[in-house]
């Protein structure tokens, strides 16, 4: 029973890496929205 109640400690380096990955994903989404609004295409230059 004590095994189920223990919380696992996540390494700090992994938390930093996941947070940076999330920030990069958000920036990519905003770049996609910006490209669509300025050019009308999702990937400018690609037919």
PDB file of N, CA and C in Angstrom:
ATOM      1  N   UNK A   1       0.814  -1.194   0.000  1.00  0.00           N
ATOM      2  CA  UNK A   1       0.000   0.000   0.000  1.00  0.00           C
ATOM      3  C   UNK A   1       0.863   1.265   0.000  1.00  0.00           C
ATOM      4  N   UNK A   2       2.009   1.226   0.654  1.00  0.00           N
ATOM      5  CA  UNK A   2       2.857   2.421   0.703  1.00  0.00           C
ATOM      6  C   UNK A   2       3.479   2.714  -0.656  1.00  0.00           C
ATOM      7  N   UNK A   3       3.611   1.696  -1.484  1.00  0.00           N
ATOM      8  CA  UNK A   3       4.176   1.903  -2.817  1.00  0.00           C
ATOM      9  C   UNK A   3       3.277   2.784  -3.675  1.00  0.00           C
ATOM     10  N   UNK A   4       1.980   2.670  -3.510  1.00  0.00           N
ATOM     11  CA  UNK A   4       1.039   3.439  -4.319  1.00  0.00           C
ATOM     12  C   UNK A   4       0.956   4.894  -3.881  1.00  0.00           C
ATOM     13  N   UNK A   5       1.256   5.172  -2.628  1.00  0.00           N
ATOM     14  CA  UNK A   5       1.113   6.535  -2.131  1.00  0.00           C
ATOM     15  C   UNK A   5       2.367   7.373  -2.314  1.00  0.00           C
ATOM     16  N   UNK A   6       3.494   6.732  -2.668  1.00  0.00           N
ATOM     17  CA  UNK A   6       4.732   7.480  -2.869  1.00  0.00           C
ATOM     18  C   UNK A   6       4.631   8.304  -4.150  1.00  0.00           C
ATOM     19  N   UNK A   7       5.113   9.525  -4.093  1.00  0.00           N
ATOM     20  CA  UNK A   7       5.147  10.344  -5.295  1.00  0.00           C
ATOM     21  C   UNK A   7       6.538  10.237  -5.915  1.00  0.00           C
ATOM     22  N   UNK A   8       6.562  10.247  -7.201  1.00  0.00           N
ATOM     23  CA  UNK A   8       7.838  10.138  -7.905  1.00  0.00           C
ATOM     24  C   UNK A   8       8.423  11.520  -8.121  1.00  0.00           C
ATOM     25  N   UNK A   9       9.709  11.637  -7.962  1.00  0.00           N
ATOM     26  CA  UNK A   9      10.407  12.900  -8.170  1.00  0.00           C
ATOM     27  C   UNK A   9      10.918  12.937  -9.605  1.00  0.00           C
ATOM     28  N   UNK A  10      10.535  13.951 -10.350  1.00  0.00           N
ATOM     29  CA  UNK A  10      10.976  14.107 -11.728  1.00  0.00           C
ATOM     30  C   UNK A  10      12.248  14.947 -11.726  1.00  0.00           C
ATOM     31  N   UNK A  11      13.206  14.538 -12.534  1.00  0.00           N
ATOM     32  CA  UNK A  11      14.475  15.257 -12.592  1.00  0.00           C
ATOM     33  C   UNK A  11      14.255  16.673 -13.103  1.00  0.00           C
ATOM     34  N   UNK A  12      15.002  17.611 -12.536  1.00  0.00           N
ATOM     35  CA  UNK A  12      14.828  19.026 -12.886  1.00  0.00           C
ATOM     36  C   UNK A  12      15.191  19.289 -14.346  1.00  0.00           C
ATOM     37  N   UNK A  13      16.198  18.608 -14.855  1.00  0.00           N
ATOM     38  CA  UNK A  13      16.593  18.793 -16.252  1.00  0.00           C
ATOM     39  C   UNK A  13      15.494  18.403 -17.222  1.00  0.00           C
ATOM     40  N   UNK A  14      14.752  17.371 -16.878  1.00  0.00           N
ATOM     41  CA  UNK A  14      13.643  16.944 -17.743  1.00  0.00           C
ATOM     42  C   UNK A  14      12.507  17.955 -17.711  1.00  0.00           C
ATOM     43  N   UNK A  15      12.269  18.544 -16.548  1.00  0.00           N
ATOM     44  CA  UNK A  15      11.224  19.559 -16.453  1.00  0.00           C
ATOM     45  C   UNK A  15      11.590  20.779 -17.288  1.00  0.00           C
ATOM     46  N   UNK A  16      12.852  21.177 -17.250  1.00  0.00           N
ATOM     47  CA  UNK A  16      13.301  22.329 -18.043  1.00  0.00           C
ATOM     48  C   UNK A  16      13.171  22.025 -19.529  1.00  0.00           C
ATOM     49  N   UNK A  17      13.570  20.821 -19.930  1.00  0.00           N
ATOM     50  CA  UNK A  17      13.493  20.445 -21.344  1.00  0.00           C
ATOM     51  C   UNK A  17      12.046  20.438 -21.841  1.00  0.00           C
ATOM     52  N   UNK A  18      11.145  19.907 -21.051  1.00  0.00           N
ATOM     53  CA  UNK A  18       9.738  19.874 -21.448  1.00  0.00           C
ATOM     54  C   UNK A  18       9.141  21.276 -21.511  1.00  0.00           C
ATOM     55  N   UNK A  19       9.528  22.131 -20.590  1.00  0.00           N
ATOM     56  CA  UNK A  19       9.028  23.507 -20.607  1.00  0.00           C
ATOM     57  C   UNK A  19       9.527  24.245 -21.849  1.00  0.00           C
ATOM     58  N   UNK A  20      10.806  24.085 -22.191  1.00  0.00           N
ATOM     59  CA  UNK A  20      11.342  24.721 -23.395  1.00  0.00           C
ATOM     60  C   UNK A  20      10.665  24.174 -24.648  1.00  0.00           C
ATOM     61  N   UNK A  21      10.396  22.884 -24.659  1.00  0.00           N
ATOM     62  CA  UNK A  21       9.689  22.286 -25.790  1.00  0.00           C
ATOM     63  C   UNK A  21       8.291  22.879 -25.930  1.00  0.00           C
ATOM     64  N   UNK A  22       7.623  23.100 -24.818  1.00  0.00           N
ATOM     65  CA  UNK A  22       6.297  23.716 -24.848  1.00  0.00           C
ATOM     66  C   UNK A  22       6.345  25.137 -25.361  1.00  0.00           C
ATOM     67  N   UNK A  23       7.357  25.901 -24.904  1.00  0.00           N
ATOM     68  CA  UNK A  23       7.501  27.281 -25.387  1.00  0.00           C
ATOM     69  C   UNK A  23       7.753  27.303 -26.891  1.00  0.00           C
ATOM     70  N   UNK A  24       8.593  26.400 -27.377  1.00  0.00           N
ATOM     71  CA  UNK A  24       8.876  26.343 -28.810  1.00  0.00           C
ATOM     72  C   UNK A  24       7.616  25.997 -29.600  1.00  0.00           C
ATOM     73  N   UNK A  25       6.790  25.118 -29.062  1.00  0.00           N
ATOM     74  CA  UNK A  25       5.544  24.749 -29.740  1.00  0.00           C
ATOM     75  C   UNK A  25       4.588  25.934 -29.812  1.00  0.00           C
ATOM     76  N   UNK A  26       4.504  26.696 -28.731  1.00  0.00           N
ATOM     77  CA  UNK A  26       3.624  27.870 -28.722  1.00  0.00           C
ATOM     78  C   UNK A  26       4.122  28.915 -29.712  1.00  0.00           C
ATOM     79  N   UNK A  27       5.419  29.143 -29.754  1.00  0.00           N
ATOM     80  CA  UNK A  27       5.982  30.105 -30.706  1.00  0.00           C
ATOM     81  C   UNK A  27       5.720  29.642 -32.139  1.00  0.00           C
ATOM     82  N   UNK A  28       5.840  28.337 -32.383  1.00  0.00           N
ATOM     83  CA  UNK A  28       5.556  27.800 -33.711  1.00  0.00           C
ATOM     84  C   UNK A  28       4.104  27.992 -34.112  1.00  0.00           C
ATOM     85  N   UNK A  29       3.198  27.816 -33.163  1.00  0.00           N
ATOM     86  CA  UNK A  29       1.773  28.031 -33.461  1.00  0.00           C
ATOM     87  C   UNK A  29       1.501  29.494 -33.784  1.00  0.00           C
ATOM     88  N   UNK A  30       2.095  30.411 -33.035  1.00  0.00           N
ATOM     89  CA  UNK A  30       1.906  31.827 -33.322  1.00  0.00           C
ATOM     90  C   UNK A  30       2.538  32.210 -34.662  1.00  0.00           C
ATOM     91  N   UNK A  31       3.664  31.603 -35.009  1.00  0.00           N
ATOM     92  CA  UNK A  31       4.276  31.856 -36.319  1.00  0.00           C
ATOM     93  C   UNK A  31       3.360  31.366 -37.437  1.00  0.00           C
ATOM     94  N   UNK A  32       2.717  30.227 -37.215  1.00  0.00           N
ATOM     95  CA  UNK A  32       1.776  29.696 -38.201  1.00  0.00           C
ATOM     96  C   UNK A  32       0.599  30.635 -38.395  1.00  0.00           C
ATOM     97  N   UNK A  33       0.048  31.145 -37.301  1.00  0.00           N
ATOM     98  CA  UNK A  33      -1.081  32.074 -37.372  1.00  0.00           C
ATOM     99  C   UNK A  33      -0.649  33.370 -38.055  1.00  0.00           C
ATOM    100  N   UNK A  34       0.524  33.868 -37.701  1.00  0.00           N
ATOM    101  CA  UNK A  34       1.027  35.097 -38.321  1.00  0.00           C
ATOM    102  C   UNK A  34       1.267  34.938 -39.815  1.00  0.00           C
ATOM    103  N   UNK A  35       1.823  33.801 -40.219  1.00  0.00           N
ATOM    104  CA  UNK A  35       2.056  33.554 -41.639  1.00  0.00           C
ATOM    105  C   UNK A  35       0.727  33.458 -42.391  1.00  0.00           C
ATOM    106  N   UNK A  36      -0.255  32.841 -41.772  1.00  0.00           N
ATOM    107  CA  UNK A  36      -1.558  32.708 -42.438  1.00  0.00           C
ATOM    108  C   UNK A  36      -2.228  34.064 -42.605  1.00  0.00           C
ATOM    109  N   UNK A  37      -2.162  34.897 -41.574  1.00  0.00           N
ATOM    110  CA  UNK A  37      -2.804  36.210 -41.667  1.00  0.00           C
ATOM    111  C   UNK A  37      -2.093  37.142 -42.650  1.00  0.00           C
ATOM    112  N   UNK A  38      -0.782  37.042 -42.754  1.00  0.00           N
ATOM    113  CA  UNK A  38      -0.059  37.959 -43.638  1.00  0.00           C
ATOM    114  C   UNK A  38      -0.047  37.497 -45.086  1.00  0.00           C
ATOM    115  N   UNK A  39      -0.042  36.181 -45.345  1.00  0.00           N
ATOM    116  CA  UNK A  39       0.066  35.698 -46.722  1.00  0.00           C
ATOM    117  C   UNK A  39      -1.184  34.981 -47.205  1.00  0.00           C
ATOM    118  N   UNK A  40      -2.016  34.510 -46.299  1.00  0.00           N
ATOM    119  CA  UNK A  40      -3.177  33.738 -46.700  1.00  0.00           C
ATOM    120  C   UNK A  40      -2.861  32.276 -46.975  1.00  0.00           C
ATOM    121  N   UNK A  41      -1.619  31.882 -46.731  1.00  0.00           N
ATOM    122  CA  UNK A  41      -1.209  30.493 -46.903  1.00  0.00           C
ATOM    123  C   UNK A  41      -0.645  29.971 -45.600  1.00  0.00           C
ATOM    124  N   UNK A  42      -0.849  28.691 -45.340  1.00  0.00           N
ATOM    125  CA  UNK A  42      -0.303  28.118 -44.117  1.00  0.00           C
ATOM    126  C   UNK A  42       1.219  28.010 -44.227  1.00  0.00           C
ATOM    127  N   UNK A  43       1.721  27.550 -45.359  1.00  0.00           N
ATOM    128  CA  UNK A  43       3.165  27.500 -45.596  1.00  0.00           C
ATOM    129  C   UNK A  43       3.437  28.397 -46.805  1.00  0.00           C
ATOM    130  N   UNK A  44       3.903  29.630 -46.574  1.00  0.00           N
ATOM    131  CA  UNK A  44       4.128  30.554 -47.693  1.00  0.00           C
ATOM    132  C   UNK A  44       5.113  29.987 -48.718  1.00  0.00           C
ATOM    133  N   UNK A  45       4.778  30.122 -49.988  1.00  0.00           N
ATOM    134  CA  UNK A  45       5.632  29.659 -51.066  1.00  0.00           C
ATOM    135  C   UNK A  45       5.358  28.243 -51.500  1.00  0.00           C
ATOM    136  N   UNK A  46       4.592  27.489 -50.734  1.00  0.00           N
ATOM    137  CA  UNK A  46       4.254  26.116 -51.098  1.00  0.00           C
ATOM    138  C   UNK A  46       2.850  26.100 -51.700  1.00  0.00           C
ATOM    139  N   UNK A  47       2.739  25.541 -52.884  1.00  0.00           N
ATOM    140  CA  UNK A  47       1.458  25.522 -53.570  1.00  0.00           C
ATOM    141  C   UNK A  47       0.540  24.480 -53.015  1.00  0.00           C
TER     142      UNK A  47
END
